[in-house]
């Protein structure tokens, strides 16, 4: 059974994890797969993976949380260690779900969350798929135009639909015409939640301790990366204007069990722009086919 949007009917639950409320939608049966969304303004789990949930649910139990700070989950993220904060709460969610292990699929900010969780507790992760993940060091000193646009959204004259549309159409995707107005409208409404405006979940570190936070958030400087046993697939849009595609090669060179797939004519949102390809490649990889 599907909804008018084409998504399958999903069970919705809110869990208490480490003092925060984590909203989760899930559907399907099979090995558990967590889909971890990106960190752009107005992002949420289901909206980020709207073109993937039904395809993956044919083989897997698909679990789609709103990360802390986003959607229907509690707001506020620890700015001193954001990736660790996200990873701790997703690990706590696994505990609440009664899951010893699961596959992790992460886009951008969610990819950084997945990678940090795997580095801290590799025994909790079966296989991992990362799409243009953050924290790979390619934007630490010189941010891309797309990342600057993302981080400036709540600055200056504050959030607006034109600012969000510019970020999505100019930087998030390669084919601007492929993003429906309704998707931008939905994300804009979520981005102006008063709690989010008061404490944006994704911001560039500043002030005292900023440099330490930036260095701590660079996985390529973490010696555990070269020892991480988790089979990993990295997908990166060749035209990504948010996180530089060179990050894919950096991960493939350091992770001992990593496949890299660079997708032509695709921006930062691989799972959206190339949904059919993504669903097929992701499903095959998680089941053990290469």
C-alpha atoms as a PDB file:
ATOM      1  CA  UNK A   1       0.000   0.000   0.000  1.00  0.00           C
ATOM      2  CA  UNK A   2       1.350   3.424  -0.915  1.00  0.00           C
ATOM      3  CA  UNK A   3       0.470   7.017  -0.071  1.00  0.00           C
ATOM      4  CA  UNK A   4      -0.543   9.627  -2.718  1.00  0.00           C
ATOM      5  CA  UNK A   5       3.148  10.653  -2.915  1.00  0.00           C
ATOM      6  CA  UNK A   6       4.146   7.141  -3.998  1.00  0.00           C
ATOM      7  CA  UNK A   7       5.823   6.341  -0.684  1.00  0.00           C
ATOM      8  CA  UNK A   8       4.857   3.129   1.106  1.00  0.00           C
ATOM      9  CA  UNK A   9       2.801   3.457   4.268  1.00  0.00           C
ATOM     10  CA  UNK A  10       5.309   3.896   7.083  1.00  0.00           C
ATOM     11  CA  UNK A  11       5.106   3.238  10.803  1.00  0.00           C
ATOM     12  CA  UNK A  12       5.983   6.405  12.732  1.00  0.00           C
ATOM     13  CA  UNK A  13       7.452   6.316  16.237  1.00  0.00           C
ATOM     14  CA  UNK A  14       9.250   8.798  18.467  1.00  0.00           C
ATOM     15  CA  UNK A  15      11.935   7.383  20.771  1.00  0.00           C
ATOM     16  CA  UNK A  16      13.622   8.931  23.786  1.00  0.00           C
ATOM     17  CA  UNK A  17      17.368   8.660  23.182  1.00  0.00           C
ATOM     18  CA  UNK A  18      19.807  10.298  25.568  1.00  0.00           C
ATOM     19  CA  UNK A  19      17.254  12.882  26.627  1.00  0.00           C
ATOM     20  CA  UNK A  20      16.290  13.780  23.049  1.00  0.00           C
ATOM     21  CA  UNK A  21      13.228  12.768  21.085  1.00  0.00           C
ATOM     22  CA  UNK A  22      14.194  10.993  17.845  1.00  0.00           C
ATOM     23  CA  UNK A  23      11.447  10.629  15.251  1.00  0.00           C
ATOM     24  CA  UNK A  24      11.600   7.496  13.094  1.00  0.00           C
ATOM     25  CA  UNK A  25       9.609   6.288  10.086  1.00  0.00           C
ATOM     26  CA  UNK A  26      10.048   2.705   8.934  1.00  0.00           C
ATOM     27  CA  UNK A  27       8.742   0.183   6.452  1.00  0.00           C
ATOM     28  CA  UNK A  28       9.718  -3.112   4.854  1.00  0.00           C
ATOM     29  CA  UNK A  29      11.097  -6.395   6.137  1.00  0.00           C
ATOM     30  CA  UNK A  30      14.575  -7.896   6.052  1.00  0.00           C
ATOM     31  CA  UNK A  31      18.004  -6.813   7.262  1.00  0.00           C
ATOM     32  CA  UNK A  32      17.793  -3.374   8.936  1.00  0.00           C
ATOM     33  CA  UNK A  33      19.059  -0.344   6.997  1.00  0.00           C
ATOM     34  CA  UNK A  34      19.203   3.125   8.532  1.00  0.00           C
ATOM     35  CA  UNK A  35      18.950   6.027   6.060  1.00  0.00           C
ATOM     36  CA  UNK A  36      20.694   9.099   7.519  1.00  0.00           C
ATOM     37  CA  UNK A  37      19.851  12.399   5.833  1.00  0.00           C
ATOM     38  CA  UNK A  38      21.920  15.457   4.955  1.00  0.00           C
ATOM     39  CA  UNK A  39      22.182  18.700   6.894  1.00  0.00           C
ATOM     40  CA  UNK A  40      20.790  21.341   4.544  1.00  0.00           C
ATOM     41  CA  UNK A  41      18.098  23.780   5.723  1.00  0.00           C
ATOM     42  CA  UNK A  42      14.758  22.071   6.212  1.00  0.00           C
ATOM     43  CA  UNK A  43      16.157  18.558   5.716  1.00  0.00           C
ATOM     44  CA  UNK A  44      14.480  15.495   7.193  1.00  0.00           C
ATOM     45  CA  UNK A  45      14.784  11.760   6.775  1.00  0.00           C
ATOM     46  CA  UNK A  46      11.789  10.917   4.607  1.00  0.00           C
ATOM     47  CA  UNK A  47      12.100  14.018   2.402  1.00  0.00           C
ATOM     48  CA  UNK A  48      15.783  13.274   1.778  1.00  0.00           C
ATOM     49  CA  UNK A  49      15.092   9.679   0.688  1.00  0.00           C
ATOM     50  CA  UNK A  50      11.650  10.046  -0.877  1.00  0.00           C
ATOM     51  CA  UNK A  51      12.838   8.373  -4.116  1.00  0.00           C
ATOM     52  CA  UNK A  52      14.629   5.497  -2.389  1.00  0.00           C
ATOM     53  CA  UNK A  53      12.499   4.186   0.456  1.00  0.00           C
ATOM     54  CA  UNK A  54      10.104   2.072  -1.634  1.00  0.00           C
ATOM     55  CA  UNK A  55      12.916   0.572  -3.720  1.00  0.00           C
ATOM     56  CA  UNK A  56      14.991  -0.439  -0.712  1.00  0.00           C
ATOM     57  CA  UNK A  57      11.986  -1.649   1.290  1.00  0.00           C
ATOM     58  CA  UNK A  58      11.495  -4.462  -1.243  1.00  0.00           C
ATOM     59  CA  UNK A  59      14.496  -6.204   0.378  1.00  0.00           C
ATOM     60  CA  UNK A  60      15.179  -4.455   3.663  1.00  0.00           C
ATOM     61  CA  UNK A  61      13.666  -3.130   6.846  1.00  0.00           C
ATOM     62  CA  UNK A  62      14.139   0.568   6.071  1.00  0.00           C
ATOM     63  CA  UNK A  63      14.492   2.827   9.130  1.00  0.00           C
ATOM     64  CA  UNK A  64      14.495   6.572   8.478  1.00  0.00           C
ATOM     65  CA  UNK A  65      15.194   8.840  11.463  1.00  0.00           C
ATOM     66  CA  UNK A  66      15.175  12.607  11.615  1.00  0.00           C
ATOM     67  CA  UNK A  67      18.630  13.422  12.959  1.00  0.00           C
ATOM     68  CA  UNK A  68      18.871  15.529  16.148  1.00  0.00           C
ATOM     69  CA  UNK A  69      18.176  19.145  15.229  1.00  0.00           C
ATOM     70  CA  UNK A  70      15.963  18.294  12.254  1.00  0.00           C
ATOM     71  CA  UNK A  71      12.395  17.428  11.329  1.00  0.00           C
ATOM     72  CA  UNK A  72      10.295  16.072  14.164  1.00  0.00           C
ATOM     73  CA  UNK A  73      13.280  15.230  16.377  1.00  0.00           C
ATOM     74  CA  UNK A  74      14.474  17.390  19.271  1.00  0.00           C
ATOM     75  CA  UNK A  75      16.411  20.470  18.275  1.00  0.00           C
ATOM     76  CA  UNK A  76      19.966  21.356  19.270  1.00  0.00           C
ATOM     77  CA  UNK A  77      23.314  19.772  18.332  1.00  0.00           C
ATOM     78  CA  UNK A  78      26.591  19.864  20.285  1.00  0.00           C
ATOM     79  CA  UNK A  79      28.667  22.347  18.263  1.00  0.00           C
ATOM     80  CA  UNK A  80      31.934  21.213  19.870  1.00  0.00           C
ATOM     81  CA  UNK A  81      31.600  17.696  18.418  1.00  0.00           C
ATOM     82  CA  UNK A  82      28.599  17.587  16.061  1.00  0.00           C
ATOM     83  CA  UNK A  83      29.474  14.313  14.329  1.00  0.00           C
ATOM     84  CA  UNK A  84      30.047  12.575  17.651  1.00  0.00           C
ATOM     85  CA  UNK A  85      26.770  13.970  18.970  1.00  0.00           C
ATOM     86  CA  UNK A  86      24.849  12.608  15.983  1.00  0.00           C
ATOM     87  CA  UNK A  87      26.612   9.236  16.109  1.00  0.00           C
ATOM     88  CA  UNK A  88      25.917   8.812  19.829  1.00  0.00           C
ATOM     89  CA  UNK A  89      22.207   9.391  19.329  1.00  0.00           C
ATOM     90  CA  UNK A  90      21.922   7.078  16.317  1.00  0.00           C
ATOM     91  CA  UNK A  91      23.770   4.384  18.277  1.00  0.00           C
ATOM     92  CA  UNK A  92      21.322   4.984  21.105  1.00  0.00           C
ATOM     93  CA  UNK A  93      18.494   4.609  18.605  1.00  0.00           C
ATOM     94  CA  UNK A  94      19.883   1.216  17.561  1.00  0.00           C
ATOM     95  CA  UNK A  95      19.737   0.236  21.248  1.00  0.00           C
ATOM     96  CA  UNK A  96      16.123   1.409  21.536  1.00  0.00           C
ATOM     97  CA  UNK A  97      15.232  -0.572  18.409  1.00  0.00           C
ATOM     98  CA  UNK A  98      16.887  -3.677  19.858  1.00  0.00           C
ATOM     99  CA  UNK A  99      19.404  -3.862  17.004  1.00  0.00           C
ATOM    100  CA  UNK A 100      22.934  -5.078  17.686  1.00  0.00           C
ATOM    101  CA  UNK A 101      23.982  -4.264  14.107  1.00  0.00           C
ATOM    102  CA  UNK A 102      22.579  -2.550  11.033  1.00  0.00           C
ATOM    103  CA  UNK A 103      23.556  -1.268   7.617  1.00  0.00           C
ATOM    104  CA  UNK A 104      24.094   2.509   7.488  1.00  0.00           C
ATOM    105  CA  UNK A 105      23.377   4.706   4.467  1.00  0.00           C
ATOM    106  CA  UNK A 106      24.377   8.343   4.899  1.00  0.00           C
ATOM    107  CA  UNK A 107      24.180  11.421   2.685  1.00  0.00           C
ATOM    108  CA  UNK A 108      26.449  14.419   3.458  1.00  0.00           C
ATOM    109  CA  UNK A 109      25.929  15.255   7.168  1.00  0.00           C
ATOM    110  CA  UNK A 110      24.331  11.837   7.604  1.00  0.00           C
ATOM    111  CA  UNK A 111      27.364  10.283   5.929  1.00  0.00           C
ATOM    112  CA  UNK A 112      29.603  11.934   8.506  1.00  0.00           C
ATOM    113  CA  UNK A 113      27.334  10.598  11.245  1.00  0.00           C
ATOM    114  CA  UNK A 114      27.549   7.069   9.794  1.00  0.00           C
ATOM    115  CA  UNK A 115      31.325   7.180   9.433  1.00  0.00           C
ATOM    116  CA  UNK A 116      31.821   8.463  12.979  1.00  0.00           C
ATOM    117  CA  UNK A 117      29.526   5.774  14.377  1.00  0.00           C
ATOM    118  CA  UNK A 118      31.477   3.111  12.474  1.00  0.00           C
ATOM    119  CA  UNK A 119      34.829   4.458  13.675  1.00  0.00           C
ATOM    120  CA  UNK A 120      33.698   4.564  17.304  1.00  0.00           C
ATOM    121  CA  UNK A 121      31.857   1.210  17.286  1.00  0.00           C
ATOM    122  CA  UNK A 122      32.592  -0.834  14.134  1.00  0.00           C
ATOM    123  CA  UNK A 123      30.885  -3.881  15.643  1.00  0.00           C
ATOM    124  CA  UNK A 124      27.512  -2.096  15.308  1.00  0.00           C
ATOM    125  CA  UNK A 125      27.751  -1.625  11.511  1.00  0.00           C
ATOM    126  CA  UNK A 126      27.322  -4.387   8.905  1.00  0.00           C
ATOM    127  CA  UNK A 127      27.919  -2.428   5.682  1.00  0.00           C
ATOM    128  CA  UNK A 128      27.986   1.270   4.953  1.00  0.00           C
ATOM    129  CA  UNK A 129      27.066   3.437   1.952  1.00  0.00           C
ATOM    130  CA  UNK A 130      28.247   7.069   1.960  1.00  0.00           C
ATOM    131  CA  UNK A 131      27.123   9.729  -0.535  1.00  0.00           C
ATOM    132  CA  UNK A 132      29.291  12.851  -0.598  1.00  0.00           C
ATOM    133  CA  UNK A 133      29.924  12.623   3.163  1.00  0.00           C
ATOM    134  CA  UNK A 134      31.048  15.560   5.253  1.00  0.00           C
ATOM    135  CA  UNK A 135      34.153  15.466   7.390  1.00  0.00           C
ATOM    136  CA  UNK A 136      36.584  14.357   4.687  1.00  0.00           C
ATOM    137  CA  UNK A 137      38.745  17.470   4.857  1.00  0.00           C
ATOM    138  CA  UNK A 138      38.212  18.883   1.369  1.00  0.00           C
ATOM    139  CA  UNK A 139      36.340  21.958   2.664  1.00  0.00           C
ATOM    140  CA  UNK A 140      38.081  22.483   6.014  1.00  0.00           C
ATOM    141  CA  UNK A 141      40.132  25.525   4.966  1.00  0.00           C
ATOM    142  CA  UNK A 142      38.404  26.636   1.734  1.00  0.00           C
ATOM    143  CA  UNK A 143      34.643  25.926   1.724  1.00  0.00           C
ATOM    144  CA  UNK A 144      32.923  25.356  -1.614  1.00  0.00           C
ATOM    145  CA  UNK A 145      30.381  27.859  -2.942  1.00  0.00           C
ATOM    146  CA  UNK A 146      27.634  25.373  -2.115  1.00  0.00           C
ATOM    147  CA  UNK A 147      28.768  24.938   1.475  1.00  0.00           C
ATOM    148  CA  UNK A 148      29.068  28.712   1.914  1.00  0.00           C
ATOM    149  CA  UNK A 149      25.495  29.078   0.651  1.00  0.00           C
ATOM    150  CA  UNK A 150      24.285  26.408   3.067  1.00  0.00           C
ATOM    151  CA  UNK A 151      26.065  27.895   6.078  1.00  0.00           C
ATOM    152  CA  UNK A 152      24.878  31.434   5.259  1.00  0.00           C
ATOM    153  CA  UNK A 153      21.197  30.496   5.149  1.00  0.00           C
ATOM    154  CA  UNK A 154      20.387  31.682   8.682  1.00  0.00           C
ATOM    155  CA  UNK A 155      22.784  34.649   8.599  1.00  0.00           C
ATOM    156  CA  UNK A 156      22.276  38.186   7.285  1.00  0.00           C
ATOM    157  CA  UNK A 157      18.607  38.836   6.601  1.00  0.00           C
ATOM    158  CA  UNK A 158      17.721  35.337   7.788  1.00  0.00           C
ATOM    159  CA  UNK A 159      16.033  32.414   6.037  1.00  0.00           C
ATOM    160  CA  UNK A 160      13.902  32.938   2.948  1.00  0.00           C
ATOM    161  CA  UNK A 161      12.470  30.792   0.199  1.00  0.00           C
ATOM    162  CA  UNK A 162      14.612  32.480  -2.521  1.00  0.00           C
ATOM    163  CA  UNK A 163      17.780  31.714  -0.526  1.00  0.00           C
ATOM    164  CA  UNK A 164      16.762  28.101  -0.114  1.00  0.00           C
ATOM    165  CA  UNK A 165      15.792  27.734  -3.770  1.00  0.00           C
ATOM    166  CA  UNK A 166      19.156  29.153  -4.841  1.00  0.00           C
ATOM    167  CA  UNK A 167      21.013  26.695  -2.616  1.00  0.00           C
ATOM    168  CA  UNK A 168      19.030  23.695  -3.880  1.00  0.00           C
ATOM    169  CA  UNK A 169      18.867  24.533  -7.589  1.00  0.00           C
ATOM    170  CA  UNK A 170      22.341  26.114  -7.964  1.00  0.00           C
ATOM    171  CA  UNK A 171      24.400  23.917  -5.653  1.00  0.00           C
ATOM    172  CA  UNK A 172      22.635  20.817  -4.327  1.00  0.00           C
ATOM    173  CA  UNK A 173      21.799  19.243  -7.699  1.00  0.00           C
ATOM    174  CA  UNK A 174      23.237  19.216 -11.205  1.00  0.00           C
ATOM    175  CA  UNK A 175      19.863  19.372 -12.965  1.00  0.00           C
ATOM    176  CA  UNK A 176      17.923  22.242 -11.358  1.00  0.00           C
ATOM    177  CA  UNK A 177      14.764  21.474 -13.344  1.00  0.00           C
ATOM    178  CA  UNK A 178      14.577  18.045 -11.706  1.00  0.00           C
ATOM    179  CA  UNK A 179      13.601  19.488  -8.319  1.00  0.00           C
ATOM    180  CA  UNK A 180       9.855  20.163  -8.009  1.00  0.00           C
ATOM    181  CA  UNK A 181       8.688  23.427  -6.415  1.00  0.00           C
ATOM    182  CA  UNK A 182       6.781  21.378  -3.840  1.00  0.00           C
ATOM    183  CA  UNK A 183      10.043  19.936  -2.489  1.00  0.00           C
ATOM    184  CA  UNK A 184      11.447  23.430  -1.977  1.00  0.00           C
ATOM    185  CA  UNK A 185       8.199  24.606  -0.362  1.00  0.00           C
ATOM    186  CA  UNK A 186       8.278  21.669   2.070  1.00  0.00           C
ATOM    187  CA  UNK A 187      11.873  22.277   3.064  1.00  0.00           C
ATOM    188  CA  UNK A 188      11.338  26.016   3.428  1.00  0.00           C
ATOM    189  CA  UNK A 189       8.454  25.471   5.858  1.00  0.00           C
ATOM    190  CA  UNK A 190      10.635  23.151   7.937  1.00  0.00           C
ATOM    191  CA  UNK A 191      13.581  25.576   7.852  1.00  0.00           C
ATOM    192  CA  UNK A 192      11.651  28.380   9.554  1.00  0.00           C
ATOM    193  CA  UNK A 193      10.615  26.373  12.606  1.00  0.00           C
ATOM    194  CA  UNK A 194      11.288  28.886  15.435  1.00  0.00           C
ATOM    195  CA  UNK A 195      13.385  26.347  17.371  1.00  0.00           C
ATOM    196  CA  UNK A 196      15.587  25.761  14.318  1.00  0.00           C
ATOM    197  CA  UNK A 197      15.974  29.477  13.601  1.00  0.00           C
ATOM    198  CA  UNK A 198      17.012  30.022  17.229  1.00  0.00           C
ATOM    199  CA  UNK A 199      19.617  27.234  17.066  1.00  0.00           C
ATOM    200  CA  UNK A 200      20.532  26.140  13.510  1.00  0.00           C
ATOM    201  CA  UNK A 201      21.812  22.547  13.641  1.00  0.00           C
ATOM    202  CA  UNK A 202      24.588  23.013  11.059  1.00  0.00           C
ATOM    203  CA  UNK A 203      26.965  25.932  11.315  1.00  0.00           C
ATOM    204  CA  UNK A 204      30.673  26.484  10.767  1.00  0.00           C
ATOM    205  CA  UNK A 205      32.586  26.493  14.082  1.00  0.00           C
ATOM    206  CA  UNK A 206      33.632  29.922  15.283  1.00  0.00           C
ATOM    207  CA  UNK A 207      35.233  31.512  18.291  1.00  0.00           C
ATOM    208  CA  UNK A 208      37.392  29.781  20.838  1.00  0.00           C
ATOM    209  CA  UNK A 209      37.883  26.099  20.041  1.00  0.00           C
ATOM    210  CA  UNK A 210      36.780  26.451  16.407  1.00  0.00           C
ATOM    211  CA  UNK A 211      40.048  25.176  14.959  1.00  0.00           C
ATOM    212  CA  UNK A 212      40.039  22.185  17.285  1.00  0.00           C
ATOM    213  CA  UNK A 213      36.486  21.323  16.240  1.00  0.00           C
ATOM    214  CA  UNK A 214      37.385  21.548  12.534  1.00  0.00           C
ATOM    215  CA  UNK A 215      40.397  19.284  12.942  1.00  0.00           C
ATOM    216  CA  UNK A 216      38.450  16.856  15.121  1.00  0.00           C
ATOM    217  CA  UNK A 217      35.782  16.670  12.402  1.00  0.00           C
ATOM    218  CA  UNK A 218      38.276  15.637   9.679  1.00  0.00           C
ATOM    219  CA  UNK A 219      38.098  11.858   9.396  1.00  0.00           C
ATOM    220  CA  UNK A 220      41.100  11.642   7.068  1.00  0.00           C
ATOM    221  CA  UNK A 221      43.273  12.619  10.054  1.00  0.00           C
ATOM    222  CA  UNK A 222      41.839   9.855  12.230  1.00  0.00           C
ATOM    223  CA  UNK A 223      44.257   6.873  12.426  1.00  0.00           C
ATOM    224  CA  UNK A 224      41.305   4.523  12.931  1.00  0.00           C
ATOM    225  CA  UNK A 225      40.174   5.122   9.333  1.00  0.00           C
ATOM    226  CA  UNK A 226      42.893   2.913   7.841  1.00  0.00           C
ATOM    227  CA  UNK A 227      41.875   0.059  10.166  1.00  0.00           C
ATOM    228  CA  UNK A 228      38.102   0.263   9.766  1.00  0.00           C
ATOM    229  CA  UNK A 229      36.906  -3.223   8.709  1.00  0.00           C
ATOM    230  CA  UNK A 230      33.363  -2.219   7.658  1.00  0.00           C
ATOM    231  CA  UNK A 231      32.745  -2.841   3.921  1.00  0.00           C
ATOM    232  CA  UNK A 232      32.016   0.602   2.500  1.00  0.00           C
ATOM    233  CA  UNK A 233      30.645   1.945  -0.764  1.00  0.00           C
ATOM    234  CA  UNK A 234      31.303   5.632  -1.481  1.00  0.00           C
ATOM    235  CA  UNK A 235      29.074   7.305  -4.092  1.00  0.00           C
ATOM    236  CA  UNK A 236      29.982  10.821  -5.171  1.00  0.00           C
ATOM    237  CA  UNK A 237      28.439  13.085  -7.780  1.00  0.00           C
ATOM    238  CA  UNK A 238      31.105  14.243 -10.221  1.00  0.00           C
ATOM    239  CA  UNK A 239      29.511  17.730 -10.218  1.00  0.00           C
ATOM    240  CA  UNK A 240      29.103  18.011  -6.437  1.00  0.00           C
ATOM    241  CA  UNK A 241      29.384  21.689  -5.455  1.00  0.00           C
ATOM    242  CA  UNK A 242      28.917  21.176  -1.701  1.00  0.00           C
ATOM    243  CA  UNK A 243      31.560  18.568  -0.812  1.00  0.00           C
ATOM    244  CA  UNK A 244      34.366  18.225  -3.336  1.00  0.00           C
ATOM    245  CA  UNK A 245      34.432  14.903  -5.249  1.00  0.00           C
ATOM    246  CA  UNK A 246      38.142  14.526  -4.455  1.00  0.00           C
ATOM    247  CA  UNK A 247      36.959  13.360  -1.036  1.00  0.00           C
ATOM    248  CA  UNK A 248      35.868  10.082  -2.591  1.00  0.00           C
ATOM    249  CA  UNK A 249      39.386   9.258  -3.695  1.00  0.00           C
ATOM    250  CA  UNK A 250      40.722  10.226  -0.258  1.00  0.00           C
ATOM    251  CA  UNK A 251      38.373   7.769   1.435  1.00  0.00           C
ATOM    252  CA  UNK A 252      39.073   4.993  -1.080  1.00  0.00           C
ATOM    253  CA  UNK A 253      42.813   5.428  -0.526  1.00  0.00           C
ATOM    254  CA  UNK A 254      42.536   5.158   3.262  1.00  0.00           C
ATOM    255  CA  UNK A 255      39.665   2.775   3.978  1.00  0.00           C
ATOM    256  CA  UNK A 256      40.882  -0.833   3.635  1.00  0.00           C
ATOM    257  CA  UNK A 257      37.591  -2.214   2.248  1.00  0.00           C
ATOM    258  CA  UNK A 258      36.098   0.589   0.171  1.00  0.00           C
ATOM    259  CA  UNK A 259      34.555   0.756  -3.310  1.00  0.00           C
ATOM    260  CA  UNK A 260      34.256   4.174  -4.998  1.00  0.00           C
ATOM    261  CA  UNK A 261      31.630   5.070  -7.608  1.00  0.00           C
ATOM    262  CA  UNK A 262      31.786   8.568  -9.129  1.00  0.00           C
ATOM    263  CA  UNK A 263      28.484   9.377 -10.838  1.00  0.00           C
ATOM    264  CA  UNK A 264      28.628  11.557 -13.976  1.00  0.00           C
ATOM    265  CA  UNK A 265      26.428  14.655 -14.401  1.00  0.00           C
ATOM    266  CA  UNK A 266      25.265  14.482 -10.795  1.00  0.00           C
ATOM    267  CA  UNK A 267      25.519  16.907  -7.893  1.00  0.00           C
ATOM    268  CA  UNK A 268      25.528  16.444  -4.129  1.00  0.00           C
ATOM    269  CA  UNK A 269      22.198  14.603  -3.991  1.00  0.00           C
ATOM    270  CA  UNK A 270      23.076  11.310  -5.732  1.00  0.00           C
ATOM    271  CA  UNK A 271      20.187   9.376  -4.192  1.00  0.00           C
ATOM    272  CA  UNK A 272      17.699  11.944  -5.559  1.00  0.00           C
ATOM    273  CA  UNK A 273      19.118  12.738  -9.009  1.00  0.00           C
ATOM    274  CA  UNK A 274      20.093   9.159  -9.837  1.00  0.00           C
ATOM    275  CA  UNK A 275      17.510   7.300  -7.798  1.00  0.00           C
ATOM    276  CA  UNK A 276      17.265   4.211 -10.015  1.00  0.00           C
ATOM    277  CA  UNK A 277      21.026   3.785 -10.144  1.00  0.00           C
ATOM    278  CA  UNK A 278      21.380   4.452  -6.441  1.00  0.00           C
ATOM    279  CA  UNK A 279      18.652   2.004  -5.407  1.00  0.00           C
ATOM    280  CA  UNK A 280      20.101  -0.767  -7.566  1.00  0.00           C
ATOM    281  CA  UNK A 281      23.750  -0.255  -6.582  1.00  0.00           C
ATOM    282  CA  UNK A 282      22.939   0.260  -2.912  1.00  0.00           C
ATOM    283  CA  UNK A 283      20.728  -2.843  -2.706  1.00  0.00           C
ATOM    284  CA  UNK A 284      23.344  -4.992  -4.438  1.00  0.00           C
ATOM    285  CA  UNK A 285      26.157  -3.747  -2.222  1.00  0.00           C
ATOM    286  CA  UNK A 286      24.274  -4.251   1.032  1.00  0.00           C
ATOM    287  CA  UNK A 287      23.420  -7.832   0.098  1.00  0.00           C
ATOM    288  CA  UNK A 288      27.095  -8.518  -0.630  1.00  0.00           C
ATOM    289  CA  UNK A 289      27.244  -8.205  -4.438  1.00  0.00           C
ATOM    290  CA  UNK A 290      29.889  -5.939  -5.960  1.00  0.00           C
END
